[in-house]
């Protein structure tokens, strides 16, 4: 059986589980999120691998870059990512990566940006299934009325991330 190296990281906004597979980050998610088992099953079956608590160069570099992000010294990440999901989910996650630091978008704007304007609900669902939080910035999605809406790490974490990025709408 292949293995996904995992480590836990206590970020300033909540505890995360980081995972790497074959030199790429495949997991940077909230340890105590509601969909934890669903996400873990999708990644493990998609990669035909199981979690092993071991460090890796990718995890160490992710922690280093996260610390720089949280201290305001980094606005973008350059970690190789391995997204595990459907073609549609990956298109949504690619769209999220294009939302710049300090900016936000609504689900409708994200749907338009990926060329699938009518798929707002499916886009919202794919957004919620993102397993690489912060690096794939699903926290930058807000309601069309400007309100903070659901976030796997919890709304207080989302608010702190947006404040960190000096978002003027929060």
N, C-alpha and C. Protein backbone atom coordinates (compact mmCIF):
# COMPACT_ATOMS: atom_id res chain seq x y z
N UNK A 1 0.84 -1.19 0.00
CA UNK A 1 0.00 0.00 0.00
C UNK A 1 0.88 1.25 0.00
N UNK A 2 0.54 2.21 -0.84
CA UNK A 2 1.26 3.49 -0.87
C UNK A 2 0.95 4.28 0.40
N UNK A 3 1.80 5.27 0.69
CA UNK A 3 1.53 6.04 1.90
C UNK A 3 1.49 7.54 1.63
N UNK A 4 0.63 8.18 2.40
CA UNK A 4 0.52 9.64 2.42
C UNK A 4 1.10 10.05 3.76
N UNK A 5 2.20 10.81 3.72
CA UNK A 5 2.80 11.28 4.97
C UNK A 5 1.92 12.38 5.54
N UNK A 6 1.59 12.29 6.83
CA UNK A 6 0.80 13.35 7.46
C UNK A 6 1.49 13.87 8.71
N UNK A 7 1.24 15.12 9.00
CA UNK A 7 1.70 15.77 10.23
C UNK A 7 0.61 16.75 10.65
N UNK A 8 0.58 17.08 11.92
CA UNK A 8 -0.37 18.07 12.43
C UNK A 8 0.37 19.39 12.62
N UNK A 9 -0.33 20.47 12.31
CA UNK A 9 0.25 21.81 12.43
C UNK A 9 -0.74 22.71 13.13
N UNK A 10 -0.30 23.32 14.22
CA UNK A 10 -1.15 24.25 14.97
C UNK A 10 -0.97 25.64 14.38
N UNK A 11 -1.88 26.03 13.48
CA UNK A 11 -1.80 27.36 12.88
C UNK A 11 -2.39 28.36 13.88
N UNK A 12 -2.15 29.65 13.68
CA UNK A 12 -2.73 30.66 14.57
C UNK A 12 -4.26 30.70 14.53
N UNK A 13 -4.88 30.05 13.54
CA UNK A 13 -6.34 30.08 13.44
C UNK A 13 -6.99 28.70 13.60
N UNK A 14 -6.20 27.69 13.94
CA UNK A 14 -6.77 26.36 14.16
C UNK A 14 -5.80 25.25 13.78
N UNK A 15 -6.05 24.05 14.34
CA UNK A 15 -5.17 22.92 14.06
C UNK A 15 -5.46 22.32 12.69
N UNK A 16 -4.38 22.06 11.96
CA UNK A 16 -4.50 21.53 10.61
C UNK A 16 -3.82 20.17 10.50
N UNK A 17 -4.23 19.43 9.50
CA UNK A 17 -3.57 18.17 9.16
C UNK A 17 -2.96 18.39 7.77
N UNK A 18 -1.67 18.16 7.66
CA UNK A 18 -0.96 18.34 6.39
C UNK A 18 -0.55 16.97 5.87
N UNK A 19 -0.71 16.78 4.56
CA UNK A 19 -0.36 15.49 3.98
C UNK A 19 0.39 15.65 2.67
N UNK A 20 1.39 14.80 2.47
CA UNK A 20 2.13 14.84 1.20
C UNK A 20 2.18 13.45 0.59
N UNK A 21 2.21 13.44 -0.74
CA UNK A 21 2.26 12.19 -1.48
C UNK A 21 3.17 12.40 -2.67
N UNK A 22 4.21 11.57 -2.76
CA UNK A 22 5.17 11.63 -3.88
C UNK A 22 5.65 13.05 -4.16
N UNK A 23 6.06 13.75 -3.10
CA UNK A 23 6.67 15.07 -3.27
C UNK A 23 5.71 16.22 -3.51
N UNK A 24 4.40 15.98 -3.33
CA UNK A 24 3.42 17.04 -3.51
C UNK A 24 2.49 17.10 -2.31
N UNK A 25 2.00 18.29 -2.02
CA UNK A 25 1.05 18.47 -0.92
C UNK A 25 -0.34 18.08 -1.41
N UNK A 26 -0.97 17.12 -0.73
CA UNK A 26 -2.31 16.70 -1.13
C UNK A 26 -3.35 17.02 -0.07
N UNK A 27 -2.88 17.55 1.08
CA UNK A 27 -3.78 17.81 2.19
C UNK A 27 -3.23 18.94 3.05
N UNK A 28 -4.05 19.94 3.30
CA UNK A 28 -3.77 21.01 4.27
C UNK A 28 -5.14 21.44 4.75
N UNK A 29 -5.67 20.68 5.66
CA UNK A 29 -7.07 20.85 6.01
C UNK A 29 -7.24 20.98 7.51
N UNK A 30 -8.42 21.39 7.91
CA UNK A 30 -8.74 21.61 9.32
C UNK A 30 -8.98 20.27 9.99
N UNK A 31 -8.25 20.03 11.08
CA UNK A 31 -8.33 18.73 11.75
C UNK A 31 -9.75 18.43 12.22
N UNK A 32 -10.46 19.45 12.68
CA UNK A 32 -11.77 19.21 13.28
C UNK A 32 -12.93 19.72 12.41
N UNK A 33 -12.83 19.56 11.11
CA UNK A 33 -13.93 20.00 10.24
C UNK A 33 -15.02 18.94 10.17
N UNK A 34 -16.20 19.38 9.77
CA UNK A 34 -17.35 18.48 9.72
C UNK A 34 -17.16 17.35 8.71
N UNK A 35 -16.56 17.61 7.57
CA UNK A 35 -16.42 16.59 6.52
C UNK A 35 -15.09 15.83 6.59
N UNK A 36 -14.44 15.82 7.74
CA UNK A 36 -13.11 15.22 7.88
C UNK A 36 -13.03 13.80 7.29
N UNK A 37 -13.94 12.91 7.69
CA UNK A 37 -13.83 11.51 7.22
C UNK A 37 -14.11 11.41 5.72
N UNK A 38 -15.04 12.22 5.20
CA UNK A 38 -15.34 12.20 3.76
C UNK A 38 -14.12 12.63 2.95
N UNK A 39 -13.48 13.69 3.39
CA UNK A 39 -12.28 14.20 2.69
C UNK A 39 -11.16 13.15 2.75
N UNK A 40 -10.93 12.60 3.94
CA UNK A 40 -9.86 11.61 4.10
C UNK A 40 -10.10 10.39 3.21
N UNK A 41 -11.34 9.92 3.14
CA UNK A 41 -11.66 8.76 2.28
C UNK A 41 -11.40 9.10 0.82
N UNK A 42 -11.81 10.30 0.38
CA UNK A 42 -11.62 10.69 -1.03
C UNK A 42 -10.13 10.71 -1.38
N UNK A 43 -9.31 11.26 -0.51
CA UNK A 43 -7.88 11.35 -0.79
C UNK A 43 -7.22 9.98 -0.76
N UNK A 44 -7.52 9.20 0.27
CA UNK A 44 -6.89 7.89 0.39
C UNK A 44 -7.32 6.95 -0.74
N UNK A 45 -8.59 6.95 -1.11
CA UNK A 45 -9.01 6.06 -2.20
C UNK A 45 -8.53 6.60 -3.55
N UNK A 46 -8.53 7.93 -3.71
CA UNK A 46 -8.06 8.52 -4.96
C UNK A 46 -6.59 8.24 -5.23
N UNK A 47 -5.80 8.19 -4.18
CA UNK A 47 -4.36 7.93 -4.32
C UNK A 47 -4.01 6.47 -4.04
N UNK A 48 -5.00 5.68 -3.67
CA UNK A 48 -4.77 4.28 -3.30
C UNK A 48 -3.62 4.20 -2.29
N UNK A 49 -3.79 4.99 -1.22
CA UNK A 49 -2.74 5.11 -0.20
C UNK A 49 -3.38 5.31 1.17
N UNK A 50 -2.59 5.11 2.19
CA UNK A 50 -3.10 5.34 3.55
C UNK A 50 -2.22 6.33 4.29
N UNK A 51 -2.80 6.97 5.30
CA UNK A 51 -2.08 7.96 6.10
C UNK A 51 -1.06 7.28 7.01
N UNK A 52 0.15 7.85 7.03
CA UNK A 52 1.20 7.42 7.95
C UNK A 52 1.77 8.69 8.57
N UNK A 53 1.81 8.73 9.90
CA UNK A 53 2.30 9.94 10.55
C UNK A 53 3.83 9.99 10.46
N UNK A 54 4.30 10.65 9.42
CA UNK A 54 5.73 10.82 9.14
C UNK A 54 5.93 12.17 8.52
N UNK A 55 7.08 12.76 8.75
CA UNK A 55 7.35 14.07 8.16
C UNK A 55 7.84 13.89 6.72
N UNK A 56 7.84 14.99 5.98
CA UNK A 56 8.40 14.98 4.62
C UNK A 56 8.92 16.37 4.32
N UNK A 57 9.74 16.47 3.31
CA UNK A 57 10.30 17.77 2.90
C UNK A 57 9.17 18.72 2.52
N UNK A 58 8.17 18.22 1.82
CA UNK A 58 7.04 19.06 1.39
C UNK A 58 6.27 19.59 2.60
N UNK A 59 6.03 18.74 3.59
CA UNK A 59 5.31 19.19 4.79
C UNK A 59 6.14 20.23 5.53
N UNK A 60 7.44 19.99 5.69
CA UNK A 60 8.30 20.97 6.37
C UNK A 60 8.28 22.31 5.66
N UNK A 61 8.35 22.30 4.33
CA UNK A 61 8.34 23.53 3.54
C UNK A 61 6.97 24.22 3.64
N UNK A 62 5.89 23.43 3.67
CA UNK A 62 4.55 24.00 3.82
C UNK A 62 4.43 24.73 5.15
N UNK A 63 4.91 24.11 6.23
CA UNK A 63 4.85 24.74 7.55
C UNK A 63 5.67 26.04 7.55
N UNK A 64 6.85 26.00 6.94
CA UNK A 64 7.70 27.19 6.85
C UNK A 64 6.97 28.32 6.11
N UNK A 65 6.36 27.99 4.97
CA UNK A 65 5.65 29.01 4.19
C UNK A 65 4.38 29.48 4.90
N UNK A 66 3.69 28.57 5.61
CA UNK A 66 2.49 28.98 6.37
C UNK A 66 2.88 29.96 7.48
N UNK A 67 3.98 29.66 8.18
CA UNK A 67 4.43 30.57 9.24
C UNK A 67 4.73 31.95 8.67
N UNK A 68 5.36 32.00 7.49
CA UNK A 68 5.66 33.28 6.83
C UNK A 68 4.36 33.97 6.42
N UNK A 69 3.38 33.21 5.94
CA UNK A 69 2.07 33.76 5.58
C UNK A 69 1.40 34.37 6.81
N UNK A 70 1.36 33.63 7.91
CA UNK A 70 0.70 34.12 9.12
C UNK A 70 1.43 35.31 9.74
N UNK A 71 2.72 35.45 9.49
CA UNK A 71 3.45 36.59 10.04
C UNK A 71 3.43 37.78 9.06
N UNK A 72 2.71 37.63 7.94
CA UNK A 72 2.58 38.72 6.99
C UNK A 72 3.75 38.87 6.03
N UNK A 73 4.64 37.88 6.00
CA UNK A 73 5.83 37.95 5.14
C UNK A 73 5.66 37.24 3.81
N UNK A 74 4.52 36.57 3.60
CA UNK A 74 4.31 35.80 2.37
C UNK A 74 2.86 35.97 1.93
N UNK A 75 2.69 36.24 0.62
CA UNK A 75 1.34 36.41 0.08
C UNK A 75 0.95 35.27 -0.85
N UNK A 76 1.91 34.50 -1.31
CA UNK A 76 1.63 33.39 -2.21
C UNK A 76 2.50 32.20 -1.81
N UNK A 77 2.04 31.02 -2.16
CA UNK A 77 2.76 29.80 -1.83
C UNK A 77 3.35 29.19 -3.10
N UNK A 78 4.49 28.54 -2.96
CA UNK A 78 5.07 27.83 -4.11
C UNK A 78 5.37 26.39 -3.74
N UNK A 79 4.34 25.74 -3.24
CA UNK A 79 4.40 24.33 -2.86
C UNK A 79 3.76 23.54 -4.01
N UNK A 80 4.37 22.44 -4.46
CA UNK A 80 3.71 21.63 -5.50
C UNK A 80 2.46 20.96 -4.91
N UNK A 81 1.32 21.16 -5.59
CA UNK A 81 0.04 20.65 -5.09
C UNK A 81 -0.43 19.44 -5.89
N UNK A 82 -1.07 18.53 -5.19
CA UNK A 82 -1.70 17.37 -5.82
C UNK A 82 -3.16 17.40 -5.39
N UNK A 83 -4.03 17.87 -6.30
CA UNK A 83 -5.46 17.96 -6.00
C UNK A 83 -6.11 16.63 -6.32
N UNK A 84 -6.82 16.09 -5.35
CA UNK A 84 -7.50 14.81 -5.52
C UNK A 84 -9.00 15.07 -5.55
N UNK A 85 -9.59 14.93 -6.73
CA UNK A 85 -11.02 15.18 -6.87
C UNK A 85 -11.44 14.98 -8.32
N UNK A 86 -12.67 15.34 -8.60
CA UNK A 86 -13.19 15.21 -9.96
C UNK A 86 -12.62 16.33 -10.84
N UNK A 87 -12.80 16.19 -12.13
CA UNK A 87 -12.37 17.23 -13.07
C UNK A 87 -13.03 18.56 -12.71
N UNK A 88 -14.33 18.53 -12.41
CA UNK A 88 -15.05 19.75 -12.06
C UNK A 88 -14.49 20.38 -10.78
N UNK A 89 -14.29 19.57 -9.74
CA UNK A 89 -13.73 20.09 -8.48
C UNK A 89 -12.38 20.75 -8.73
N UNK A 90 -11.53 20.11 -9.52
CA UNK A 90 -10.21 20.67 -9.81
C UNK A 90 -10.33 22.00 -10.54
N UNK A 91 -11.33 22.13 -11.42
CA UNK A 91 -11.50 23.40 -12.14
C UNK A 91 -11.90 24.51 -11.17
N UNK A 92 -12.72 24.17 -10.18
CA UNK A 92 -13.12 25.15 -9.15
C UNK A 92 -11.90 25.53 -8.31
N UNK A 93 -11.12 24.52 -7.90
CA UNK A 93 -9.94 24.80 -7.06
C UNK A 93 -8.91 25.63 -7.83
N UNK A 94 -8.75 25.36 -9.13
CA UNK A 94 -7.86 26.19 -9.96
C UNK A 94 -8.36 27.63 -10.00
N UNK A 95 -9.69 27.78 -10.07
CA UNK A 95 -10.29 29.12 -10.05
C UNK A 95 -10.02 29.84 -8.74
N UNK A 96 -10.06 29.11 -7.64
CA UNK A 96 -9.78 29.70 -6.32
C UNK A 96 -8.34 30.21 -6.25
N UNK A 97 -7.41 29.44 -6.79
CA UNK A 97 -6.00 29.82 -6.75
C UNK A 97 -5.78 31.16 -7.46
N UNK A 98 -6.62 31.48 -8.44
CA UNK A 98 -6.47 32.72 -9.21
C UNK A 98 -7.02 33.96 -8.48
N UNK A 99 -7.73 33.76 -7.35
CA UNK A 99 -8.22 34.91 -6.59
C UNK A 99 -7.03 35.47 -5.81
N UNK A 100 -6.63 36.71 -6.10
CA UNK A 100 -5.41 37.25 -5.48
C UNK A 100 -5.53 37.49 -3.97
N UNK A 101 -4.38 37.46 -3.33
CA UNK A 101 -4.24 37.79 -1.91
C UNK A 101 -4.93 39.13 -1.67
N UNK A 102 -5.75 39.19 -0.62
CA UNK A 102 -6.41 40.45 -0.28
C UNK A 102 -7.70 40.70 -1.04
N UNK A 103 -8.04 39.83 -1.98
CA UNK A 103 -9.28 39.99 -2.75
C UNK A 103 -10.28 38.93 -2.32
N UNK A 104 -11.54 39.16 -2.65
CA UNK A 104 -12.58 38.16 -2.40
C UNK A 104 -13.44 38.02 -3.65
N UNK A 105 -14.23 36.97 -3.69
CA UNK A 105 -15.16 36.76 -4.79
C UNK A 105 -16.38 36.03 -4.22
N UNK A 106 -17.51 36.13 -4.92
CA UNK A 106 -18.70 35.38 -4.53
C UNK A 106 -18.69 34.05 -5.29
N UNK A 107 -19.58 33.14 -4.89
CA UNK A 107 -19.71 31.88 -5.62
C UNK A 107 -20.08 32.15 -7.08
N UNK A 108 -20.94 33.14 -7.31
CA UNK A 108 -21.34 33.47 -8.67
C UNK A 108 -20.15 33.96 -9.49
N UNK A 109 -19.35 34.85 -8.89
CA UNK A 109 -18.15 35.34 -9.60
C UNK A 109 -17.20 34.20 -9.92
N UNK A 110 -17.01 33.31 -8.95
CA UNK A 110 -16.14 32.15 -9.18
C UNK A 110 -16.71 31.28 -10.30
N UNK A 111 -18.02 31.06 -10.29
CA UNK A 111 -18.67 30.27 -11.35
C UNK A 111 -18.42 30.89 -12.72
N UNK A 112 -18.55 32.21 -12.80
CA UNK A 112 -18.31 32.92 -14.07
C UNK A 112 -16.84 32.80 -14.47
N UNK A 113 -15.95 32.94 -13.50
CA UNK A 113 -14.50 32.89 -13.78
C UNK A 113 -14.07 31.54 -14.34
N UNK A 114 -14.75 30.47 -13.96
CA UNK A 114 -14.37 29.15 -14.48
C UNK A 114 -15.24 28.77 -15.68
N UNK A 115 -16.04 29.73 -16.16
CA UNK A 115 -16.84 29.50 -17.36
C UNK A 115 -18.03 28.58 -17.15
N UNK A 116 -18.60 28.60 -15.95
CA UNK A 116 -19.71 27.72 -15.64
C UNK A 116 -20.72 28.47 -14.78
N UNK A 117 -21.24 29.58 -15.32
CA UNK A 117 -22.07 30.51 -14.55
C UNK A 117 -23.30 29.87 -13.91
N UNK A 118 -23.86 28.86 -14.55
CA UNK A 118 -25.10 28.25 -14.03
C UNK A 118 -24.83 27.23 -12.90
N UNK A 119 -23.58 26.93 -12.64
CA UNK A 119 -23.24 25.88 -11.67
C UNK A 119 -22.91 26.43 -10.28
N UNK A 120 -23.59 27.48 -9.85
CA UNK A 120 -23.23 28.13 -8.59
C UNK A 120 -23.28 27.16 -7.40
N UNK A 121 -24.33 26.35 -7.32
CA UNK A 121 -24.43 25.40 -6.20
C UNK A 121 -23.33 24.34 -6.25
N UNK A 122 -23.05 23.84 -7.44
CA UNK A 122 -21.99 22.84 -7.59
C UNK A 122 -20.63 23.45 -7.26
N UNK A 123 -20.44 24.72 -7.65
CA UNK A 123 -19.20 25.43 -7.33
C UNK A 123 -19.07 25.57 -5.81
N UNK A 124 -20.16 25.92 -5.15
CA UNK A 124 -20.15 26.05 -3.69
C UNK A 124 -19.81 24.71 -3.03
N UNK A 125 -20.36 23.63 -3.56
CA UNK A 125 -20.09 22.30 -3.03
C UNK A 125 -18.62 21.92 -3.22
N UNK A 126 -18.08 22.19 -4.41
CA UNK A 126 -16.66 21.89 -4.68
C UNK A 126 -15.76 22.75 -3.79
N UNK A 127 -16.17 23.99 -3.57
CA UNK A 127 -15.42 24.88 -2.69
C UNK A 127 -15.33 24.27 -1.29
N UNK A 128 -16.45 23.74 -0.81
CA UNK A 128 -16.50 23.12 0.51
C UNK A 128 -15.71 21.83 0.60
N UNK A 129 -15.45 21.20 -0.55
CA UNK A 129 -14.71 19.93 -0.58
C UNK A 129 -13.20 20.15 -0.72
N UNK A 130 -12.77 21.40 -0.78
CA UNK A 130 -11.35 21.72 -0.90
C UNK A 130 -10.58 21.15 0.30
N UNK A 131 -9.55 20.36 0.03
CA UNK A 131 -8.77 19.74 1.10
C UNK A 131 -7.41 20.41 1.29
N UNK A 132 -7.17 21.50 0.55
CA UNK A 132 -5.88 22.19 0.68
C UNK A 132 -6.16 23.66 1.04
N UNK A 133 -6.70 23.83 2.25
CA UNK A 133 -7.05 25.17 2.74
C UNK A 133 -5.85 26.10 2.76
N UNK A 134 -6.14 27.37 2.67
CA UNK A 134 -5.19 28.48 2.69
C UNK A 134 -4.38 28.52 1.40
N UNK A 135 -3.70 27.42 1.02
CA UNK A 135 -2.94 27.42 -0.24
C UNK A 135 -3.89 27.50 -1.44
N UNK A 136 -5.01 26.79 -1.35
CA UNK A 136 -6.11 26.96 -2.31
C UNK A 136 -7.14 27.77 -1.52
N UNK A 137 -7.16 29.09 -1.75
CA UNK A 137 -7.80 30.03 -0.81
C UNK A 137 -9.34 30.09 -0.85
N UNK A 138 -9.98 29.02 -0.39
CA UNK A 138 -11.44 29.01 -0.35
C UNK A 138 -11.97 30.02 0.67
N UNK A 139 -11.11 30.50 1.58
CA UNK A 139 -11.54 31.52 2.54
C UNK A 139 -11.84 32.86 1.86
N UNK A 140 -11.42 33.01 0.61
CA UNK A 140 -11.65 34.27 -0.11
C UNK A 140 -13.03 34.33 -0.77
N UNK A 141 -13.83 33.29 -0.58
CA UNK A 141 -15.19 33.29 -1.13
C UNK A 141 -16.15 33.82 -0.06
N UNK A 142 -16.91 34.85 -0.44
CA UNK A 142 -17.88 35.45 0.47
C UNK A 142 -19.25 35.43 -0.20
N UNK A 143 -20.29 35.67 0.57
CA UNK A 143 -21.64 35.72 0.01
C UNK A 143 -21.78 36.89 -0.95
N UNK A 144 -22.73 36.79 -1.87
CA UNK A 144 -22.92 37.87 -2.86
C UNK A 144 -23.31 39.19 -2.19
N UNK A 145 -23.81 39.10 -0.95
CA UNK A 145 -24.16 40.32 -0.21
C UNK A 145 -22.99 40.82 0.64
N UNK A 146 -21.83 40.17 0.52
CA UNK A 146 -20.64 40.58 1.26
C UNK A 146 -20.48 39.91 2.60
N UNK A 147 -21.45 39.07 3.00
CA UNK A 147 -21.35 38.37 4.29
C UNK A 147 -20.35 37.23 4.21
N UNK A 148 -19.78 36.91 5.37
CA UNK A 148 -18.95 35.71 5.46
C UNK A 148 -19.89 34.52 5.44
N UNK A 149 -19.60 33.55 4.60
CA UNK A 149 -20.42 32.34 4.53
C UNK A 149 -19.55 31.14 4.84
N UNK A 150 -20.18 30.00 5.08
CA UNK A 150 -19.53 28.77 5.52
C UNK A 150 -18.04 28.61 5.23
N UNK A 151 -17.35 28.02 6.19
CA UNK A 151 -15.93 27.76 6.04
C UNK A 151 -15.58 26.55 6.89
N UNK A 152 -14.87 25.60 6.31
CA UNK A 152 -14.54 24.35 7.01
C UNK A 152 -13.78 24.60 8.32
N UNK A 153 -12.96 25.63 8.35
CA UNK A 153 -12.20 25.95 9.56
C UNK A 153 -12.99 26.77 10.55
N UNK A 154 -14.24 27.09 10.20
CA UNK A 154 -15.09 27.92 11.05
C UNK A 154 -15.02 29.38 10.65
N UNK A 155 -16.11 30.11 10.84
CA UNK A 155 -16.14 31.52 10.44
C UNK A 155 -15.13 32.40 11.20
N UNK A 156 -14.85 32.14 12.49
CA UNK A 156 -13.81 32.96 13.15
C UNK A 156 -12.45 32.84 12.44
N UNK A 157 -12.09 31.62 12.00
CA UNK A 157 -10.82 31.41 11.28
C UNK A 157 -10.86 32.15 9.95
N UNK A 158 -11.98 32.06 9.24
CA UNK A 158 -12.12 32.74 7.95
C UNK A 158 -11.95 34.25 8.13
N UNK A 159 -12.60 34.79 9.14
CA UNK A 159 -12.52 36.23 9.41
C UNK A 159 -11.06 36.64 9.68
N UNK A 160 -10.35 35.84 10.48
CA UNK A 160 -8.94 36.14 10.78
C UNK A 160 -8.07 36.08 9.53
N UNK A 161 -8.32 35.09 8.67
CA UNK A 161 -7.53 34.97 7.43
C UNK A 161 -7.77 36.18 6.53
N UNK A 162 -9.03 36.60 6.40
CA UNK A 162 -9.33 37.77 5.57
C UNK A 162 -8.75 39.04 6.18
N UNK A 163 -8.79 39.15 7.50
CA UNK A 163 -8.18 40.31 8.17
C UNK A 163 -6.68 40.31 7.95
N UNK A 164 -6.06 39.13 8.04
CA UNK A 164 -4.62 39.00 7.81
C UNK A 164 -4.27 39.52 6.42
N UNK A 165 -5.12 39.23 5.46
CA UNK A 165 -4.87 39.66 4.09
C UNK A 165 -5.34 41.11 3.86
N UNK A 166 -5.65 41.80 4.95
CA UNK A 166 -6.07 43.21 4.91
C UNK A 166 -7.28 43.45 4.03
N UNK A 167 -8.22 42.52 4.11
CA UNK A 167 -9.43 42.68 3.31
C UNK A 167 -10.30 43.77 3.94
N UNK A 168 -10.63 44.76 3.13
CA UNK A 168 -11.35 45.92 3.64
C UNK A 168 -12.82 45.65 3.87
N UNK A 169 -13.35 44.52 3.37
CA UNK A 169 -14.78 44.25 3.49
C UNK A 169 -15.14 43.58 4.81
N UNK A 170 -14.14 43.20 5.60
CA UNK A 170 -14.44 42.47 6.83
C UNK A 170 -14.46 43.43 8.01
